[in-house]
């Protein structure tokens, strides 16, 4: 089992910044990717960003590229999402996820943290 706990969400005005954190525990050796997804009311959950635990290669959704940065701290078993130039369209519940390359359809999920961007 892998446990994921997100934090750092909140209310911010358009153009502002937030940093989300995701702390991992348990059988973390069984996964090699971590990332962030988000879900707005009435919409499907969508991919935001991911990072490979070993090597640190990253991937971003086009909608956040250039504004968001995903990073990791191996010593703390923590992944971060730095969100800059926030837009009202970024408003959603943000979920941390972890998965293995060989089984990307089965992910461990955090409880989610609310991000609200006002205009």
N, C-alpha and C. Protein backbone atom coordinates (compact mmCIF):
# COMPACT_ATOMS: atom_id res chain seq x y z
N UNK A 1 0.83 -1.18 0.00
CA UNK A 1 0.00 0.00 0.00
C UNK A 1 0.87 1.25 0.00
N UNK A 2 0.35 2.29 -0.64
CA UNK A 2 0.99 3.59 -0.65
C UNK A 2 -0.03 4.61 -0.16
N UNK A 3 0.36 5.42 0.80
CA UNK A 3 -0.50 6.47 1.32
C UNK A 3 0.02 7.82 0.84
N UNK A 4 -0.90 8.67 0.40
CA UNK A 4 -0.56 9.99 -0.11
C UNK A 4 -1.40 11.04 0.60
N UNK A 5 -0.76 12.08 1.08
CA UNK A 5 -1.45 13.15 1.79
C UNK A 5 -1.08 14.48 1.16
N UNK A 6 -2.09 15.18 0.61
CA UNK A 6 -1.88 16.47 -0.02
C UNK A 6 -2.12 17.60 0.98
N UNK A 7 -1.49 18.73 0.72
CA UNK A 7 -1.71 19.94 1.50
C UNK A 7 -1.32 21.15 0.65
N UNK A 8 -1.73 22.32 1.11
CA UNK A 8 -1.31 23.55 0.45
C UNK A 8 -2.37 24.26 -0.36
N UNK A 9 -3.55 23.66 -0.49
CA UNK A 9 -4.61 24.31 -1.24
C UNK A 9 -5.16 25.52 -0.50
N UNK A 10 -5.95 26.30 -1.21
CA UNK A 10 -6.54 27.48 -0.60
C UNK A 10 -7.19 28.38 -1.62
N UNK A 11 -7.49 29.59 -1.18
CA UNK A 11 -8.13 30.60 -2.02
C UNK A 11 -7.10 31.65 -2.41
N UNK A 12 -7.03 31.95 -3.69
CA UNK A 12 -6.07 32.92 -4.18
C UNK A 12 -6.69 33.70 -5.34
N UNK A 13 -6.28 34.94 -5.51
CA UNK A 13 -6.76 35.74 -6.62
C UNK A 13 -6.04 35.38 -7.91
N UNK A 14 -6.69 35.63 -9.03
CA UNK A 14 -6.07 35.39 -10.32
C UNK A 14 -4.72 36.09 -10.40
N UNK A 15 -3.74 35.38 -10.94
CA UNK A 15 -2.39 35.90 -11.02
C UNK A 15 -1.51 35.53 -9.85
N UNK A 16 -2.11 34.99 -8.81
CA UNK A 16 -1.37 34.61 -7.62
C UNK A 16 -0.73 33.24 -7.74
N UNK A 17 -0.13 32.79 -6.63
CA UNK A 17 0.61 31.53 -6.61
C UNK A 17 0.23 30.69 -5.41
N UNK A 18 0.36 29.38 -5.57
CA UNK A 18 0.21 28.42 -4.49
C UNK A 18 1.20 27.30 -4.70
N UNK A 19 1.60 26.65 -3.62
CA UNK A 19 2.44 25.46 -3.72
C UNK A 19 1.76 24.32 -3.00
N UNK A 20 1.48 23.25 -3.74
CA UNK A 20 0.89 22.05 -3.18
C UNK A 20 1.98 21.05 -2.81
N UNK A 21 1.74 20.29 -1.75
CA UNK A 21 2.67 19.26 -1.32
C UNK A 21 1.95 17.93 -1.25
N UNK A 22 2.69 16.86 -1.53
CA UNK A 22 2.16 15.50 -1.43
C UNK A 22 3.21 14.63 -0.75
N UNK A 23 2.91 14.18 0.45
CA UNK A 23 3.81 13.33 1.20
C UNK A 23 3.42 11.87 1.03
N UNK A 24 4.38 11.04 0.65
CA UNK A 24 4.13 9.62 0.39
C UNK A 24 4.70 8.76 1.51
N UNK A 25 4.00 7.67 1.82
CA UNK A 25 4.47 6.72 2.81
C UNK A 25 3.99 5.33 2.44
N UNK A 26 4.46 4.32 3.17
CA UNK A 26 4.09 2.95 2.89
C UNK A 26 5.04 2.30 1.90
N UNK A 27 4.49 1.49 0.98
CA UNK A 27 5.29 0.77 0.00
C UNK A 27 5.66 1.66 -1.18
N UNK A 28 6.37 2.73 -0.90
CA UNK A 28 6.72 3.68 -1.95
C UNK A 28 7.66 3.09 -2.99
N UNK A 29 8.35 2.00 -2.63
CA UNK A 29 9.26 1.36 -3.58
C UNK A 29 8.51 0.66 -4.71
N UNK A 30 7.20 0.49 -4.56
CA UNK A 30 6.40 -0.18 -5.58
C UNK A 30 5.93 0.76 -6.70
N UNK A 31 6.19 2.06 -6.57
CA UNK A 31 5.79 3.03 -7.59
C UNK A 31 7.02 3.82 -8.04
N UNK A 32 6.98 4.29 -9.27
CA UNK A 32 8.10 5.07 -9.80
C UNK A 32 7.67 6.35 -10.50
N UNK A 33 6.37 6.65 -10.47
CA UNK A 33 5.86 7.92 -10.97
C UNK A 33 4.96 8.54 -9.93
N UNK A 34 5.01 9.84 -9.82
CA UNK A 34 4.05 10.58 -9.03
C UNK A 34 3.59 11.79 -9.82
N UNK A 35 2.37 12.22 -9.55
CA UNK A 35 1.86 13.35 -10.31
C UNK A 35 0.63 13.96 -9.69
N UNK A 36 0.10 14.93 -10.40
CA UNK A 36 -1.07 15.67 -9.95
C UNK A 36 -2.17 15.63 -11.01
N UNK A 37 -3.39 15.41 -10.56
CA UNK A 37 -4.59 15.48 -11.36
C UNK A 37 -5.54 16.47 -10.70
N UNK A 38 -6.51 16.96 -11.44
CA UNK A 38 -7.47 17.87 -10.86
C UNK A 38 -8.86 17.59 -11.41
N UNK A 39 -9.86 17.95 -10.63
CA UNK A 39 -11.23 17.73 -11.03
C UNK A 39 -12.10 18.90 -10.56
N UNK A 40 -12.73 19.56 -11.51
CA UNK A 40 -13.66 20.63 -11.23
C UNK A 40 -15.08 20.06 -11.17
N UNK A 41 -16.00 20.72 -10.48
CA UNK A 41 -17.38 20.22 -10.40
C UNK A 41 -17.99 20.00 -11.78
N UNK A 42 -18.57 18.82 -11.99
CA UNK A 42 -19.21 18.51 -13.25
C UNK A 42 -18.27 18.16 -14.39
N UNK A 43 -16.98 18.07 -14.12
CA UNK A 43 -16.01 17.76 -15.16
C UNK A 43 -15.23 16.50 -14.82
N UNK A 44 -14.63 15.92 -15.84
CA UNK A 44 -13.80 14.73 -15.66
C UNK A 44 -12.48 15.11 -15.00
N UNK A 45 -11.92 14.15 -14.28
CA UNK A 45 -10.60 14.35 -13.72
C UNK A 45 -9.58 14.42 -14.85
N UNK A 46 -8.67 15.39 -14.78
CA UNK A 46 -7.70 15.57 -15.84
C UNK A 46 -6.27 15.60 -15.30
N UNK A 47 -5.37 15.18 -16.14
CA UNK A 47 -3.95 15.17 -15.83
C UNK A 47 -3.41 16.59 -15.78
N UNK A 48 -2.54 16.85 -14.81
CA UNK A 48 -1.90 18.15 -14.67
C UNK A 48 -0.40 18.06 -14.90
N UNK A 49 0.27 17.22 -14.12
CA UNK A 49 1.73 17.11 -14.21
C UNK A 49 2.18 15.82 -13.57
N UNK A 50 3.34 15.32 -13.98
CA UNK A 50 3.90 14.12 -13.38
C UNK A 50 5.41 14.21 -13.37
N UNK A 51 6.01 13.37 -12.51
CA UNK A 51 7.46 13.33 -12.41
C UNK A 51 7.88 11.89 -12.15
N UNK A 52 8.95 11.47 -12.80
CA UNK A 52 9.52 10.16 -12.56
C UNK A 52 10.40 10.23 -11.32
N UNK A 53 10.18 9.30 -10.37
CA UNK A 53 10.88 9.38 -9.10
C UNK A 53 12.39 9.27 -9.28
N UNK A 54 12.81 8.34 -10.11
CA UNK A 54 14.22 8.18 -10.40
C UNK A 54 14.54 8.86 -11.73
N UNK A 55 15.38 9.87 -11.67
CA UNK A 55 15.74 10.62 -12.87
C UNK A 55 15.07 11.98 -12.95
N UNK A 56 13.83 12.06 -12.48
CA UNK A 56 13.16 13.35 -12.38
C UNK A 56 12.58 13.90 -13.67
N UNK A 57 12.41 13.09 -14.70
CA UNK A 57 11.79 13.58 -15.92
C UNK A 57 10.35 13.98 -15.65
N UNK A 58 9.89 15.04 -16.30
CA UNK A 58 8.58 15.61 -16.02
C UNK A 58 7.70 15.68 -17.26
N UNK A 59 6.41 15.79 -17.01
CA UNK A 59 5.43 15.95 -18.08
C UNK A 59 4.33 16.89 -17.59
N UNK A 60 3.80 17.72 -18.50
CA UNK A 60 2.79 18.70 -18.13
C UNK A 60 1.65 18.72 -19.14
N UNK A 61 0.46 19.00 -18.64
CA UNK A 61 -0.65 19.28 -19.53
C UNK A 61 -0.42 20.62 -20.22
N UNK A 62 -0.89 20.74 -21.45
CA UNK A 62 -0.69 21.98 -22.20
C UNK A 62 -1.28 23.19 -21.48
N UNK A 63 -2.36 22.99 -20.75
CA UNK A 63 -3.05 24.08 -20.10
C UNK A 63 -2.25 24.71 -18.96
N UNK A 64 -1.26 23.99 -18.43
CA UNK A 64 -0.49 24.51 -17.30
C UNK A 64 0.98 24.70 -17.64
N UNK A 65 1.40 24.28 -18.81
CA UNK A 65 2.80 24.37 -19.20
C UNK A 65 3.28 25.82 -19.16
N UNK A 66 4.41 26.04 -18.52
CA UNK A 66 4.95 27.38 -18.38
C UNK A 66 4.50 28.10 -17.14
N UNK A 67 3.46 27.59 -16.48
CA UNK A 67 2.94 28.21 -15.26
C UNK A 67 3.15 27.34 -14.02
N UNK A 68 3.04 26.03 -14.19
CA UNK A 68 3.19 25.10 -13.08
C UNK A 68 4.52 24.37 -13.18
N UNK A 69 5.09 24.02 -12.03
CA UNK A 69 6.32 23.26 -11.97
C UNK A 69 6.20 22.15 -10.95
N UNK A 70 6.45 20.92 -11.36
CA UNK A 70 6.44 19.79 -10.44
C UNK A 70 7.87 19.47 -10.05
N UNK A 71 8.08 19.13 -8.79
CA UNK A 71 9.40 18.79 -8.30
C UNK A 71 9.29 17.76 -7.19
N UNK A 72 10.42 17.22 -6.77
CA UNK A 72 10.41 16.22 -5.72
C UNK A 72 11.56 16.43 -4.75
N UNK A 73 11.38 15.94 -3.54
CA UNK A 73 12.40 15.92 -2.51
C UNK A 73 12.50 14.49 -2.04
N UNK A 74 13.49 13.75 -2.53
CA UNK A 74 13.60 12.33 -2.22
C UNK A 74 13.79 12.08 -0.73
N UNK A 75 14.54 12.94 -0.07
CA UNK A 75 14.80 12.76 1.35
C UNK A 75 13.52 12.85 2.17
N UNK A 76 12.56 13.63 1.72
CA UNK A 76 11.30 13.82 2.44
C UNK A 76 10.15 13.02 1.86
N UNK A 77 10.41 12.23 0.81
CA UNK A 77 9.36 11.47 0.13
C UNK A 77 8.18 12.36 -0.23
N UNK A 78 8.48 13.52 -0.76
CA UNK A 78 7.46 14.53 -1.01
C UNK A 78 7.57 15.07 -2.43
N UNK A 79 6.43 15.26 -3.06
CA UNK A 79 6.34 15.89 -4.37
C UNK A 79 5.60 17.21 -4.23
N UNK A 80 6.03 18.20 -4.98
CA UNK A 80 5.45 19.53 -4.91
C UNK A 80 4.89 19.95 -6.27
N UNK A 81 3.92 20.83 -6.23
CA UNK A 81 3.42 21.46 -7.44
C UNK A 81 3.38 22.96 -7.19
N UNK A 82 4.32 23.68 -7.78
CA UNK A 82 4.35 25.13 -7.69
C UNK A 82 3.46 25.69 -8.79
N UNK A 83 2.44 26.43 -8.41
CA UNK A 83 1.47 26.96 -9.35
C UNK A 83 1.57 28.48 -9.36
N UNK A 84 1.98 29.03 -10.49
CA UNK A 84 2.11 30.47 -10.66
C UNK A 84 1.12 30.96 -11.71
N UNK A 85 0.89 32.26 -11.72
CA UNK A 85 -0.01 32.88 -12.69
C UNK A 85 -1.34 32.15 -12.75
N UNK A 86 -1.92 31.89 -11.60
CA UNK A 86 -3.15 31.11 -11.52
C UNK A 86 -4.31 31.82 -12.20
N UNK A 87 -5.16 31.03 -12.82
CA UNK A 87 -6.34 31.51 -13.52
C UNK A 87 -7.59 30.91 -12.89
N UNK A 88 -8.74 31.56 -13.04
CA UNK A 88 -9.98 30.97 -12.52
C UNK A 88 -10.23 29.57 -13.05
N UNK A 89 -9.80 29.28 -14.26
CA UNK A 89 -9.96 27.95 -14.85
C UNK A 89 -9.17 26.87 -14.11
N UNK A 90 -8.23 27.27 -13.27
CA UNK A 90 -7.46 26.31 -12.48
C UNK A 90 -8.20 25.84 -11.24
N UNK A 91 -9.34 26.45 -10.95
CA UNK A 91 -10.12 26.07 -9.77
C UNK A 91 -10.56 24.61 -9.87
N UNK A 92 -10.21 23.82 -8.86
CA UNK A 92 -10.53 22.39 -8.86
C UNK A 92 -10.03 21.78 -7.56
N UNK A 93 -10.42 20.53 -7.34
CA UNK A 93 -9.79 19.73 -6.31
C UNK A 93 -8.58 19.07 -6.95
N UNK A 94 -7.43 19.24 -6.34
CA UNK A 94 -6.20 18.69 -6.87
C UNK A 94 -5.83 17.42 -6.09
N UNK A 95 -5.56 16.35 -6.84
CA UNK A 95 -5.25 15.05 -6.26
C UNK A 95 -3.83 14.63 -6.61
N UNK A 96 -3.12 14.17 -5.62
CA UNK A 96 -1.83 13.55 -5.83
C UNK A 96 -2.03 12.08 -6.20
N UNK A 97 -1.19 11.56 -7.08
CA UNK A 97 -1.29 10.17 -7.49
C UNK A 97 0.09 9.55 -7.62
N UNK A 98 0.15 8.22 -7.47
CA UNK A 98 1.39 7.48 -7.63
C UNK A 98 1.10 6.20 -8.39
N UNK A 99 2.02 5.80 -9.27
CA UNK A 99 1.79 4.60 -10.05
C UNK A 99 3.11 4.02 -10.55
N UNK A 100 3.03 2.80 -11.05
CA UNK A 100 4.17 2.13 -11.63
C UNK A 100 4.06 2.17 -13.15
N UNK A 101 5.21 2.22 -13.81
CA UNK A 101 5.24 2.26 -15.27
C UNK A 101 4.51 1.08 -15.88
N UNK A 102 4.66 -0.09 -15.27
CA UNK A 102 4.09 -1.31 -15.83
C UNK A 102 2.58 -1.41 -15.62
N UNK A 103 2.01 -0.58 -14.77
CA UNK A 103 0.57 -0.62 -14.51
C UNK A 103 0.03 0.79 -14.30
N UNK A 104 0.04 1.61 -15.34
CA UNK A 104 -0.35 3.01 -15.18
C UNK A 104 -1.84 3.21 -14.92
N UNK A 105 -2.66 2.20 -15.21
CA UNK A 105 -4.10 2.33 -15.01
C UNK A 105 -4.50 2.11 -13.55
N UNK A 106 -3.60 1.62 -12.74
CA UNK A 106 -3.89 1.43 -11.32
C UNK A 106 -3.05 2.42 -10.53
N UNK A 107 -3.70 3.44 -9.99
CA UNK A 107 -3.02 4.51 -9.26
C UNK A 107 -3.46 4.57 -7.80
N UNK A 108 -2.53 4.96 -6.96
CA UNK A 108 -2.85 5.32 -5.60
C UNK A 108 -3.19 6.80 -5.58
N UNK A 109 -4.18 7.17 -4.78
CA UNK A 109 -4.66 8.55 -4.76
C UNK A 109 -4.64 9.15 -3.36
N UNK A 110 -4.35 10.43 -3.30
CA UNK A 110 -4.51 11.18 -2.07
C UNK A 110 -5.95 11.62 -1.89
N UNK A 111 -6.23 12.30 -0.80
CA UNK A 111 -7.60 12.70 -0.48
C UNK A 111 -8.04 13.96 -1.22
N UNK A 112 -7.12 14.70 -1.78
CA UNK A 112 -7.44 15.90 -2.53
C UNK A 112 -7.33 17.16 -1.69
N UNK A 113 -7.00 18.25 -2.35
CA UNK A 113 -6.95 19.56 -1.70
C UNK A 113 -7.57 20.59 -2.63
N UNK A 114 -8.43 21.44 -2.08
CA UNK A 114 -9.18 22.40 -2.89
C UNK A 114 -8.33 23.61 -3.24
N UNK A 115 -8.33 23.97 -4.52
CA UNK A 115 -7.71 25.19 -4.99
C UNK A 115 -8.80 26.04 -5.64
N UNK A 116 -8.97 27.25 -5.14
CA UNK A 116 -9.97 28.16 -5.68
C UNK A 116 -9.29 29.45 -6.11
N UNK A 117 -9.46 29.82 -7.37
CA UNK A 117 -8.87 31.03 -7.92
C UNK A 117 -10.00 31.99 -8.25
N UNK A 118 -10.02 33.13 -7.61
CA UNK A 118 -11.07 34.12 -7.82
C UNK A 118 -10.66 35.11 -8.90
N UNK A 119 -11.65 35.68 -9.57
CA UNK A 119 -11.41 36.67 -10.61
C UNK A 119 -11.75 38.07 -10.15
